[in-house]
Amino acid sequence: MNKLMILHILGWILNFEAGFMLLPLIVAIIYGESSGYAFLITIGICLLIGIPLSLIKPKSRMIYAKEGFITVALGWIMLSIMGSLPFYISKQIPHYVDALFEIISGFTTTGSSILTDVEALDHCLILWRSFSHWIGGMGVLVLMLAILPLARGESMHLMRAESPGPSVEKLVPRMRSSASLLYGIYIGMTIIQFLLMLVGNLPLFDALTLTFGTAGTGGFTIKNSNMAEYSSYIQNLITIFMFLFGINFNFYYLILLKKQKDAFKMEEVKWYLIIILSAIILISFNTGGPSGFFSAIHHATFQVSSITTTTGYATVDFNLWPTFSKMILVLLMFIGGCAGSTAGGIKVSRIVVLFKTIGKEMSFLLHKRSVKVLKLNKKKIENDTVRSINIFFATYIIIFALSVLLISLDNFDFTTSFTAVAATLNNVGPGLEVVGPMGNYSSFSDLSKFVMMFDMLAGRLEIFPLLLLFSPSTWKN
C-alpha cells in the first residue's frame, strides 16, 4: 500500500478545505459576525496538519484500487470532522455529534438537519452549510484531479471511488482533462442558475445559498418554512435545475460536442424522464381536485424533482398528502437520479440493469438454450458490471435493514424509522412523520445519529469505500 501517497492527498484535501472556508469567513466579515473566528481557527488547524502532509514526497505516485478507496473514504471522514468545527467552536451547534451530523449531511448532499430554527444561525454558518452541498456534489477529489497532477497512471481509481454510479468513464483520454470538463459543466450550470435567481429579485445571499443547495442536489434550506415563502418563479426555476443536475453529466458533454443524437439515445436519461413524468401525473391526480389541479401540478412537479434528484427542498408539507402520493415519493427516494450526476439514491442505471437482468433470467427459464446479451445504450453490459450491481443491491439491503433495526431502539413509529434511513442512505434529506419536510432529526439519540451518519457517507460513496475501512485485509501490504 502506498501510504505516503495517501497521506499526501489527505494533506491536499485539508488545504483545499481551508481554502473553501475563506468564503464563509468573508461573509462573516461582511455581516460583522463574531462567529467568523471559528472559521479562522479551523482554517489554522487545517493548514497546520495539511501543509506538512501535502509536502510529503512519495517515492511512487501510483494510485491503485485499494489506495483509491481508502483515500476517498478517509478523505471524506476527515473533511467532515474539520468541517464540523466552525459549528461547534462558535457554539451555534453546541453538541459536537449534532455539529458532525449537520456537516456530514451537508458534504454528502443529504440535507437532513438537526436544527429546529435554521434562521437563528449566523449568515456565515448558513452559507457554510449550503456551500458544503456544492463541494460534495461533484466531489472534492474530482476538483483536485482537475487542478493538481496528483497521481500517475491510475488516478481513475480516485474518481471511481468518489463519483456516484455503477461505472465511471473517462470523457477524454486524460483523466485530469475529464475531471476539468466535469467541473467546467458543473460550475457553468451553477453560474447560470445563480444569475437567473438574481433576475427573480432574490437577495444575493438567498440566491447564492439556494443555488449551492440545488447544484449539489443537497437541499439545506435557509428558511424555517423551507421553500414555501419563495415566489412561483423561484420555485419553478429550482424545479428545472434540480431536474437538470440529476441528469448524467455525460449527457451535457455530448451536447457540447454537438452529438445530440448520441445524448438522447442514453437509456438512463430516457427512463429518468419517464419516471419523473409518470410520478408527476399520478401525484397531481391524487392530490388535486378540480379547483386546485394546477396548484397540484406545480407542487407535484417540484416535489417529484426534489425527491428523485435527492435534493430534498419542499414547497408543501407532503406529510399531509394521501398515502398513495407519499408511497410514490418513498419509491423515488430509492431510485434517485442518474449515475454521473450530483443526485443520490440507487441510481436509474442500476434499476434499468436490474430489470434487464430479471428479464434475461425469465427468458432463460422459458428457453434454456437461449443466449440473451444484456445491453445499455446499445453496448454490451459486461458480466463484471452486472455482478457488481447485484452485490451492491445485496449489500444495500443488509445495511438498510440493520440501520432500521438500530434506529428502532429510539421507539419512533415505523414510518419515521424506515423513512429516516431511506432519506439518509439515499442522501435525500426529509422523510415522513417526525422527519418530514417540516420536521428534523434532533430528537434521535446519538447512537441513531451515528448510524445515519454512516448511512449518509455510505450512500454518497456508493457503500464499498467506507466498508473497506473495516476490513482487516485492506490494511495489509
Protein backbone atom coordinates (compact mmCIF):
# COMPACT_ATOMS: atom_id res chain seq x y z
CA MET A 1 0.00 0.00 0.00
CA ASN A 2 1.28 3.46 -0.94
CA LYS A 3 0.70 5.06 2.48
CA LEU A 4 2.81 8.14 1.77
CA MET A 5 0.74 8.91 -1.32
CA ILE A 6 -2.46 8.56 0.71
CA LEU A 7 -1.12 10.99 3.35
CA HIS A 8 0.00 13.38 0.59
CA ILE A 9 -3.51 13.51 -0.90
CA LEU A 10 -5.17 13.83 2.53
CA GLY A 11 -2.93 16.83 3.15
CA TRP A 12 -4.15 18.47 -0.04
CA ILE A 13 -7.77 17.78 0.95
CA LEU A 14 -7.19 19.73 4.18
CA ASN A 15 -5.54 22.57 2.25
CA PHE A 16 -8.50 22.73 -0.11
CA GLU A 17 -10.93 22.74 2.81
CA ALA A 18 -9.05 25.66 4.35
CA GLY A 19 -9.47 27.47 1.03
CA PHE A 20 -13.19 26.67 0.91
CA MET A 21 -13.67 28.23 4.35
CA LEU A 22 -12.48 31.59 3.10
CA LEU A 23 -15.92 32.16 1.54
CA PRO A 24 -17.91 31.91 4.82
CA LEU A 25 -15.13 33.89 6.54
CA ILE A 26 -15.67 36.73 4.04
CA VAL A 27 -19.43 36.53 4.68
CA ALA A 28 -18.78 36.80 8.43
CA ILE A 29 -16.72 39.94 7.84
CA ILE A 30 -19.42 41.46 5.60
CA TYR A 31 -22.17 40.85 8.17
CA GLY A 32 -19.92 41.68 11.15
CA GLU A 33 -20.49 38.29 12.77
CA SER A 34 -18.21 37.28 15.63
CA SER A 35 -18.65 33.57 14.76
CA GLY A 36 -16.22 34.18 11.91
CA TYR A 37 -13.41 33.50 14.38
CA ALA A 38 -14.46 29.83 14.35
CA PHE A 39 -13.54 29.67 10.66
CA LEU A 40 -10.18 31.35 11.32
CA ILE A 41 -9.36 28.75 13.97
CA THR A 42 -10.47 25.86 11.74
CA ILE A 43 -8.50 27.20 8.76
CA GLY A 44 -5.43 27.32 11.00
CA ILE A 45 -5.93 23.71 12.13
CA CYS A 46 -6.46 22.50 8.54
CA LEU A 47 -3.29 24.20 7.31
CA LEU A 48 -1.27 23.13 10.36
CA ILE A 49 -1.97 19.50 9.50
CA GLY A 50 -2.49 19.81 5.75
CA ILE A 51 0.66 21.66 4.68
CA PRO A 52 3.17 19.19 6.23
CA LEU A 53 1.23 16.22 4.79
CA SER A 54 0.99 17.77 1.32
CA LEU A 55 4.77 18.39 1.35
CA ILE A 56 5.43 14.66 1.69
CA LYS A 57 7.16 13.38 -1.45
CA PRO A 58 6.17 9.74 -2.05
CA LYS A 59 8.68 7.55 -3.85
CA SER A 60 5.83 6.42 -6.09
CA ARG A 61 2.79 8.47 -7.11
CA MET A 62 0.85 5.47 -8.36
CA ILE A 63 -2.69 5.01 -7.07
CA TYR A 64 -4.35 1.61 -7.37
CA ALA A 65 -7.86 0.49 -6.42
CA LYS A 66 -7.05 -0.11 -2.75
CA GLU A 67 -5.38 3.27 -2.26
CA GLY A 68 -8.22 4.95 -4.19
CA PHE A 69 -10.93 3.56 -1.93
CA ILE A 70 -9.01 4.24 1.28
CA THR A 71 -8.08 7.78 0.26
CA VAL A 72 -11.65 8.70 -0.66
CA ALA A 73 -13.19 7.19 2.50
CA LEU A 74 -10.60 8.72 4.86
CA GLY A 75 -10.73 12.00 2.94
CA TRP A 76 -14.47 12.37 3.38
CA ILE A 77 -14.31 11.47 7.08
CA MET A 78 -11.52 14.00 7.66
CA LEU A 79 -13.33 16.62 5.57
CA SER A 80 -16.41 16.16 7.77
CA ILE A 81 -14.54 16.26 11.09
CA MET A 82 -12.85 19.53 10.17
CA GLY A 83 -15.96 20.94 8.53
CA SER A 84 -17.97 20.46 11.71
CA LEU A 85 -15.60 22.55 13.86
CA PRO A 86 -16.98 26.02 12.94
CA PHE A 87 -20.45 24.97 14.17
CA TYR A 88 -19.03 23.58 17.40
CA ILE A 89 -16.39 26.24 18.12
CA SER A 90 -18.90 29.05 17.57
CA LYS A 91 -21.30 27.24 19.96
CA GLN A 92 -24.15 27.71 17.48
CA ILE A 93 -24.44 23.93 17.48
CA PRO A 94 -23.09 23.21 20.98
CA HIS A 95 -23.35 19.39 20.86
CA TYR A 96 -20.48 18.01 18.75
CA VAL A 97 -22.40 14.95 17.50
CA ASP A 98 -25.06 17.31 16.14
CA ALA A 99 -22.42 19.51 14.50
CA LEU A 100 -20.85 16.44 12.87
CA PHE A 101 -24.27 15.17 11.74
CA GLU A 102 -25.07 18.55 10.16
CA ILE A 103 -21.85 18.82 8.14
CA ILE A 104 -21.84 15.17 7.02
CA SER A 105 -25.39 15.79 5.83
CA GLY A 106 -24.02 18.83 4.00
CA PHE A 107 -21.00 17.25 2.30
CA THR A 108 -22.92 14.10 1.32
CA THR A 109 -25.65 16.36 -0.16
CA THR A 110 -28.25 14.71 2.07
CA GLY A 111 -29.87 17.77 3.63
CA SER A 112 -31.12 16.07 6.81
CA SER A 113 -30.84 18.57 9.65
CA ILE A 114 -30.87 18.57 13.45
CA LEU A 115 -31.67 22.31 13.55
CA THR A 116 -35.07 23.36 14.85
CA ASP A 117 -34.50 27.02 13.92
CA VAL A 118 -32.30 27.43 10.84
CA GLU A 119 -32.71 31.21 10.78
CA ALA A 120 -31.09 31.50 14.23
CA LEU A 121 -27.69 30.64 12.70
CA ASP A 122 -25.32 33.40 11.62
CA HIS A 123 -25.11 34.08 7.87
CA CYS A 124 -21.59 32.66 7.62
CA LEU A 125 -22.67 29.32 9.08
CA ILE A 126 -25.82 29.17 6.95
CA LEU A 127 -23.64 29.72 3.89
CA TRP A 128 -21.14 27.06 5.01
CA ARG A 129 -23.98 24.52 5.29
CA SER A 130 -25.13 25.25 1.74
CA PHE A 131 -21.62 25.56 0.32
CA SER A 132 -20.81 22.09 1.70
CA HIS A 133 -23.52 20.75 -0.66
CA TRP A 134 -21.80 22.30 -3.65
CA ILE A 135 -18.39 20.95 -2.57
CA GLY A 136 -19.75 17.45 -2.02
CA GLY A 137 -21.96 17.42 -5.11
CA MET A 138 -19.22 16.75 -7.63
CA GLY A 139 -16.61 15.74 -5.04
CA VAL A 140 -13.53 17.42 -3.64
CA LEU A 141 -11.18 14.80 -5.10
CA VAL A 142 -12.62 15.32 -8.58
CA LEU A 143 -11.88 19.03 -8.14
CA MET A 144 -8.35 18.23 -7.00
CA LEU A 145 -7.83 15.95 -10.01
CA ALA A 146 -8.96 18.81 -12.25
CA ILE A 147 -6.41 21.22 -10.74
CA LEU A 148 -3.46 19.18 -9.45
CA PRO A 149 -1.33 16.43 -11.06
CA LEU A 150 -1.99 14.22 -8.03
CA ALA A 151 -1.36 10.72 -9.24
CA ARG A 152 0.12 8.94 -12.21
CA GLY A 153 -1.33 6.16 -14.28
CA GLU A 154 -4.29 5.05 -12.20
CA SER A 155 -5.87 8.27 -10.88
CA MET A 156 -9.11 6.90 -12.35
CA HIS A 157 -9.42 4.85 -9.14
CA LEU A 158 -9.83 8.06 -7.14
CA MET A 159 -12.58 9.30 -9.42
CA ARG A 160 -14.39 5.96 -9.49
CA ALA A 161 -14.34 5.72 -5.70
CA GLU A 162 -15.85 9.19 -5.28
CA SER A 163 -18.19 9.60 -8.26
CA PRO A 164 -21.76 8.29 -7.92
CA GLY A 165 -22.93 5.48 -10.20
CA PRO A 166 -22.22 1.88 -11.17
CA SER A 167 -19.44 2.91 -13.56
CA VAL A 168 -17.38 5.99 -14.38
CA GLU A 169 -15.87 6.56 -17.78
CA LYS A 170 -13.27 9.00 -19.00
CA LEU A 171 -14.81 11.72 -21.14
CA VAL A 172 -11.46 12.27 -22.84
CA PRO A 173 -8.24 10.20 -22.77
CA ARG A 174 -6.56 12.19 -19.97
CA MET A 175 -8.09 11.76 -16.53
CA ARG A 176 -7.24 15.31 -15.49
CA SER A 177 -8.99 16.69 -18.57
CA SER A 178 -12.09 14.57 -17.81
CA ALA A 179 -12.24 15.97 -14.27
CA SER A 180 -11.79 19.50 -15.63
CA LEU A 181 -14.65 19.00 -18.10
CA LEU A 182 -16.97 17.72 -15.37
CA TYR A 183 -16.23 20.66 -13.10
CA GLY A 184 -16.46 23.07 -16.03
CA ILE A 185 -20.01 21.88 -16.75
CA TYR A 186 -20.83 21.94 -13.02
CA ILE A 187 -19.57 25.49 -12.50
CA GLY A 188 -21.20 26.72 -15.71
CA MET A 189 -24.63 25.40 -14.73
CA THR A 190 -24.21 26.82 -11.22
CA ILE A 191 -23.43 30.30 -12.55
CA ILE A 192 -26.41 30.21 -14.94
CA GLN A 193 -28.81 29.26 -12.14
CA PHE A 194 -27.36 31.91 -9.80
CA LEU A 195 -27.83 34.67 -12.39
CA LEU A 196 -31.40 33.54 -13.15
CA MET A 197 -32.14 33.56 -9.41
CA LEU A 198 -30.99 37.19 -9.24
CA VAL A 199 -33.30 38.00 -12.16
CA GLY A 200 -36.17 36.87 -9.90
CA ASN A 201 -35.30 39.70 -7.45
CA LEU A 202 -33.94 37.26 -4.91
CA PRO A 203 -31.46 38.72 -2.39
CA LEU A 204 -27.83 37.91 -3.23
CA PHE A 205 -27.35 35.76 -0.11
CA ASP A 206 -30.51 33.72 -0.75
CA ALA A 207 -29.63 33.29 -4.43
CA LEU A 208 -26.14 32.02 -3.60
CA THR A 209 -27.14 29.58 -0.85
CA LEU A 210 -30.14 28.15 -2.71
CA THR A 211 -28.05 27.72 -5.86
CA PHE A 212 -25.40 25.82 -3.90
CA GLY A 213 -28.13 23.58 -2.46
CA THR A 214 -29.70 22.96 -5.87
CA ALA A 215 -26.46 22.36 -7.79
CA GLY A 216 -25.25 19.84 -5.23
CA THR A 217 -28.79 18.39 -5.00
CA GLY A 218 -28.42 18.79 -1.25
CA GLY A 219 -31.43 20.78 -0.14
CA PHE A 220 -30.37 22.57 3.05
CA THR A 221 -32.96 25.30 3.34
CA ILE A 222 -32.19 28.73 4.79
CA LYS A 223 -35.77 29.39 5.95
CA ASN A 224 -37.78 27.58 8.60
CA SER A 225 -40.65 27.42 6.09
CA ASN A 226 -38.37 25.61 3.63
CA MET A 227 -39.23 26.84 0.09
CA ALA A 228 -42.87 27.76 0.73
CA GLU A 229 -42.40 31.54 1.00
CA TYR A 230 -40.47 31.97 -2.25
CA SER A 231 -42.19 33.14 -5.45
CA SER A 232 -43.50 30.77 -8.11
CA TYR A 233 -40.69 31.96 -10.40
CA ILE A 234 -38.02 30.88 -7.91
CA GLN A 235 -39.76 27.58 -7.17
CA ASN A 236 -40.13 26.79 -10.88
CA LEU A 237 -36.52 27.76 -11.58
CA ILE A 238 -35.26 25.49 -8.80
CA THR A 239 -37.51 22.69 -10.12
CA ILE A 240 -35.86 22.95 -13.54
CA PHE A 241 -32.31 23.00 -12.20
CA MET A 242 -32.91 20.16 -9.73
CA PHE A 243 -34.04 18.11 -12.73
CA LEU A 244 -31.00 19.20 -14.79
CA PHE A 245 -28.45 18.45 -12.06
CA GLY A 246 -29.96 14.96 -11.68
CA ILE A 247 -29.01 14.05 -15.27
CA ASN A 248 -25.79 12.20 -16.10
CA PHE A 249 -23.17 14.86 -16.92
CA ASN A 250 -22.01 12.77 -19.90
CA PHE A 251 -25.29 13.88 -21.49
CA TYR A 252 -24.17 17.52 -21.34
CA TYR A 253 -20.73 16.64 -22.64
CA LEU A 254 -22.27 15.00 -25.71
CA ILE A 255 -24.50 18.05 -26.22
CA LEU A 256 -21.43 20.32 -26.09
CA LEU A 257 -19.79 18.12 -28.74
CA LYS A 258 -22.94 18.58 -30.84
CA LYS A 259 -23.68 14.85 -30.62
CA GLN A 260 -27.34 15.38 -29.74
CA LYS A 261 -28.40 12.03 -31.23
CA ASP A 262 -25.98 10.13 -29.01
CA ALA A 263 -27.04 12.18 -25.99
CA PHE A 264 -30.75 11.49 -26.42
CA LYS A 265 -30.10 7.79 -27.05
CA MET A 266 -28.89 7.38 -23.45
CA GLU A 267 -31.34 4.86 -21.95
CA GLU A 268 -30.80 6.09 -18.41
CA VAL A 269 -31.86 9.62 -19.33
CA LYS A 270 -34.97 8.30 -21.12
CA TRP A 271 -36.05 6.28 -18.08
CA TYR A 272 -35.22 9.20 -15.79
CA LEU A 273 -37.68 11.33 -17.80
CA ILE A 274 -40.33 8.59 -17.85
CA ILE A 275 -40.10 8.04 -14.08
CA ILE A 276 -40.38 11.76 -13.30
CA LEU A 277 -43.27 12.42 -15.70
CA SER A 278 -45.19 9.35 -14.51
CA ALA A 279 -44.79 10.34 -10.86
CA ILE A 280 -45.90 13.94 -11.54
CA ILE A 281 -49.05 12.78 -13.36
CA LEU A 282 -50.01 10.24 -10.67
CA ILE A 283 -49.42 12.62 -7.75
CA SER A 284 -51.18 15.53 -9.48
CA PHE A 285 -54.35 13.48 -9.96
CA ASN A 286 -54.12 12.05 -6.44
CA THR A 287 -53.62 15.37 -4.63
CA GLY A 288 -55.54 17.88 -6.77
CA GLY A 289 -59.29 18.31 -7.05
CA PRO A 290 -60.99 20.10 -9.96
CA SER A 291 -60.47 23.51 -8.32
CA GLY A 292 -56.83 23.07 -7.36
CA PHE A 293 -55.45 20.90 -10.15
CA PHE A 294 -52.94 23.45 -11.49
CA SER A 295 -51.63 24.07 -7.98
CA ALA A 296 -51.33 20.31 -7.52
CA ILE A 297 -49.29 20.04 -10.75
CA HIS A 298 -46.97 22.83 -9.55
CA HIS A 299 -46.28 21.24 -6.17
CA ALA A 300 -46.15 17.70 -7.56
CA THR A 301 -43.59 18.74 -10.18
CA PHE A 302 -41.45 20.45 -7.55
CA GLN A 303 -41.59 17.58 -5.05
CA VAL A 304 -41.01 14.85 -7.64
CA SER A 305 -37.95 16.70 -8.99
CA SER A 306 -36.75 17.33 -5.45
CA ILE A 307 -37.12 13.75 -4.21
CA THR A 308 -35.99 11.99 -7.41
CA THR A 309 -32.81 14.07 -7.54
CA THR A 310 -32.49 13.61 -3.75
CA THR A 311 -32.34 17.38 -3.23
CA GLY A 312 -34.98 17.50 -0.51
CA TYR A 313 -36.41 21.01 -0.86
CA ALA A 314 -40.14 21.28 -0.17
CA THR A 315 -42.84 23.79 -1.10
CA VAL A 316 -45.53 21.98 0.91
CA ASP A 317 -45.71 19.54 3.80
CA PHE A 318 -46.10 16.34 1.79
CA ASN A 319 -46.65 14.54 5.10
CA LEU A 320 -50.27 15.67 4.63
CA TRP A 321 -50.62 14.14 1.15
CA PRO A 322 -52.64 10.95 0.54
CA THR A 323 -50.85 7.68 1.27
CA PHE A 324 -50.60 6.82 -2.45
CA SER A 325 -48.66 10.03 -3.20
CA LYS A 326 -46.39 9.54 -0.19
CA MET A 327 -45.62 6.00 -1.29
CA ILE A 328 -44.60 7.28 -4.73
CA LEU A 329 -42.20 9.73 -3.08
CA VAL A 330 -40.71 6.94 -0.94
CA LEU A 331 -40.12 4.84 -4.07
CA LEU A 332 -38.46 7.83 -5.75
CA MET A 333 -36.13 8.16 -2.73
CA PHE A 334 -34.73 4.72 -3.52
CA ILE A 335 -34.49 5.19 -7.29
CA GLY A 336 -32.69 8.55 -7.16
CA GLY A 337 -31.16 10.34 -10.15
CA CYS A 338 -28.78 9.32 -12.91
CA ALA A 339 -25.29 7.94 -12.46
CA GLY A 340 -22.65 10.59 -13.05
CA SER A 341 -24.89 13.36 -11.67
CA THR A 342 -24.87 15.08 -8.29
CA ALA A 343 -28.01 13.14 -7.24
CA GLY A 344 -28.07 10.28 -4.74
CA GLY A 345 -30.19 7.13 -4.47
CA ILE A 346 -29.60 3.72 -6.03
CA LYS A 347 -29.43 5.40 -9.50
CA VAL A 348 -31.66 4.90 -12.51
CA SER A 349 -29.00 2.97 -14.45
CA ARG A 350 -28.79 0.30 -11.74
CA ILE A 351 -32.59 -0.05 -11.72
CA VAL A 352 -32.60 -0.41 -15.52
CA VAL A 353 -29.87 -3.08 -15.44
CA LEU A 354 -31.70 -4.91 -12.64
CA PHE A 355 -34.90 -5.15 -14.68
CA LYS A 356 -32.94 -6.24 -17.76
CA THR A 357 -31.30 -8.96 -15.65
CA ILE A 358 -34.70 -10.15 -14.40
CA GLY A 359 -35.96 -10.24 -18.00
CA LYS A 360 -32.92 -12.26 -19.07
CA GLU A 361 -33.46 -14.76 -16.25
CA MET A 362 -37.15 -15.18 -17.13
CA SER A 363 -36.20 -15.73 -20.78
CA PHE A 364 -33.63 -18.34 -19.74
CA LEU A 365 -36.21 -20.20 -17.62
CA LEU A 366 -38.53 -20.43 -20.63
CA HIS A 367 -35.84 -21.12 -23.23
CA LYS A 368 -32.88 -22.92 -21.67
CA ARG A 369 -30.74 -22.72 -24.79
CA SER A 370 -31.34 -19.04 -25.46
CA VAL A 371 -28.39 -16.67 -25.21
CA LYS A 372 -29.54 -13.15 -24.43
CA VAL A 373 -26.95 -10.37 -24.28
CA LEU A 374 -27.73 -7.51 -21.90
CA LYS A 375 -27.21 -4.08 -23.44
CA LEU A 376 -27.35 -0.49 -22.22
CA ASN A 377 -27.14 2.34 -24.76
CA LYS A 378 -26.68 -0.41 -27.39
CA LYS A 379 -23.46 -1.51 -25.69
CA LYS A 380 -22.96 -4.89 -24.08
CA ILE A 381 -23.17 -4.83 -20.29
CA GLU A 382 -20.14 -6.73 -19.04
CA ASN A 383 -20.67 -9.57 -16.56
CA ASP A 384 -18.46 -7.76 -14.04
CA THR A 385 -20.82 -4.78 -14.14
CA VAL A 386 -23.89 -6.99 -13.60
CA ARG A 387 -22.12 -8.81 -10.77
CA SER A 388 -21.10 -5.55 -9.05
CA ILE A 389 -24.66 -4.20 -9.32
CA ASN A 390 -26.11 -7.40 -7.81
CA ILE A 391 -23.60 -7.25 -4.94
CA PHE A 392 -24.40 -3.56 -4.46
CA PHE A 393 -28.12 -4.35 -4.10
CA ALA A 394 -27.47 -7.18 -1.63
CA THR A 395 -25.14 -5.03 0.50
CA TYR A 396 -27.54 -2.09 0.30
CA ILE A 397 -30.43 -4.20 1.64
CA ILE A 398 -28.31 -5.55 4.52
CA ILE A 399 -27.15 -2.06 5.56
CA PHE A 400 -30.69 -0.70 5.24
CA ALA A 401 -32.21 -3.49 7.38
CA LEU A 402 -29.54 -3.22 10.10
CA SER A 403 -29.88 0.58 10.19
CA VAL A 404 -33.66 0.44 10.62
CA LEU A 405 -33.20 -2.17 13.38
CA LEU A 406 -30.72 0.00 15.29
CA ILE A 407 -32.75 3.20 14.89
CA SER A 408 -35.88 1.40 16.12
CA LEU A 409 -34.25 1.41 19.59
CA ASP A 410 -35.40 5.04 19.83
CA ASN A 411 -39.02 3.82 19.74
CA PHE A 412 -40.27 6.10 16.99
CA ASP A 413 -43.08 4.83 14.77
CA PHE A 414 -42.17 2.51 11.90
CA THR A 415 -42.74 5.14 9.18
CA THR A 416 -40.36 7.58 10.90
CA SER A 417 -37.63 4.96 11.40
CA PHE A 418 -37.97 3.47 7.91
CA THR A 419 -38.00 6.78 6.03
CA ALA A 420 -35.24 8.27 8.20
CA VAL A 421 -32.92 5.51 6.99
CA ALA A 422 -34.26 5.78 3.42
CA ALA A 423 -33.65 9.54 3.47
CA THR A 424 -30.10 9.30 4.83
CA LEU A 425 -28.82 6.21 2.98
CA ASN A 426 -30.17 7.64 -0.29
CA ASN A 427 -28.95 11.17 0.54
CA VAL A 428 -32.47 12.63 0.21
CA GLY A 429 -32.91 14.65 3.43
CA PRO A 430 -36.57 14.68 4.51
CA GLY A 431 -38.57 11.55 5.21
CA LEU A 432 -42.07 11.21 6.64
CA GLU A 433 -43.75 11.82 10.01
CA VAL A 434 -41.17 13.10 12.57
CA VAL A 435 -38.51 13.58 9.86
CA GLY A 436 -40.92 15.08 7.32
CA PRO A 437 -40.17 18.25 5.34
CA MET A 438 -41.21 20.48 8.23
CA GLY A 439 -39.52 18.27 10.85
CA ASN A 440 -35.91 17.44 11.72
CA TYR A 441 -33.62 14.78 13.18
CA SER A 442 -32.84 16.45 16.52
CA SER A 443 -34.90 14.04 18.64
CA PHE A 444 -32.89 10.95 17.70
CA SER A 445 -30.31 9.51 20.11
CA ASP A 446 -26.58 9.86 19.49
CA LEU A 447 -26.44 6.17 18.53
CA SER A 448 -29.09 6.68 15.84
CA LYS A 449 -27.32 9.81 14.60
CA PHE A 450 -24.05 7.87 14.23
CA VAL A 451 -25.92 5.14 12.32
CA MET A 452 -27.40 7.75 9.99
CA MET A 453 -24.03 9.50 9.61
CA PHE A 454 -22.58 6.18 8.47
CA ASP A 455 -25.53 5.75 6.10
CA MET A 456 -25.06 9.22 4.61
CA LEU A 457 -21.38 8.61 3.93
CA ALA A 458 -22.04 5.08 2.64
CA GLY A 459 -24.77 6.35 0.34
CA ARG A 460 -22.65 9.15 -1.09
CA LEU A 461 -19.56 6.96 -1.58
CA GLU A 462 -21.54 4.02 -3.03
CA ILE A 463 -21.07 1.88 0.11
CA PHE A 464 -17.85 -0.05 -0.57
CA PRO A 465 -15.13 2.61 0.00
CA LEU A 466 -16.48 3.07 3.52
CA LEU A 467 -16.95 -0.65 4.22
CA LEU A 468 -13.39 -1.42 3.14
CA LEU A 469 -12.08 0.67 6.05
CA PHE A 470 -13.45 -2.01 8.39
CA SER A 471 -11.84 -4.94 6.55
CA PRO A 472 -8.53 -6.13 8.12
CA SER A 473 -7.24 -7.26 4.70
CA THR A 474 -7.47 -3.66 3.45
CA TRP A 475 -4.64 -2.63 5.72
CA LYS A 476 -2.29 -5.48 4.79
CA ASN A 477 0.54 -4.63 2.39
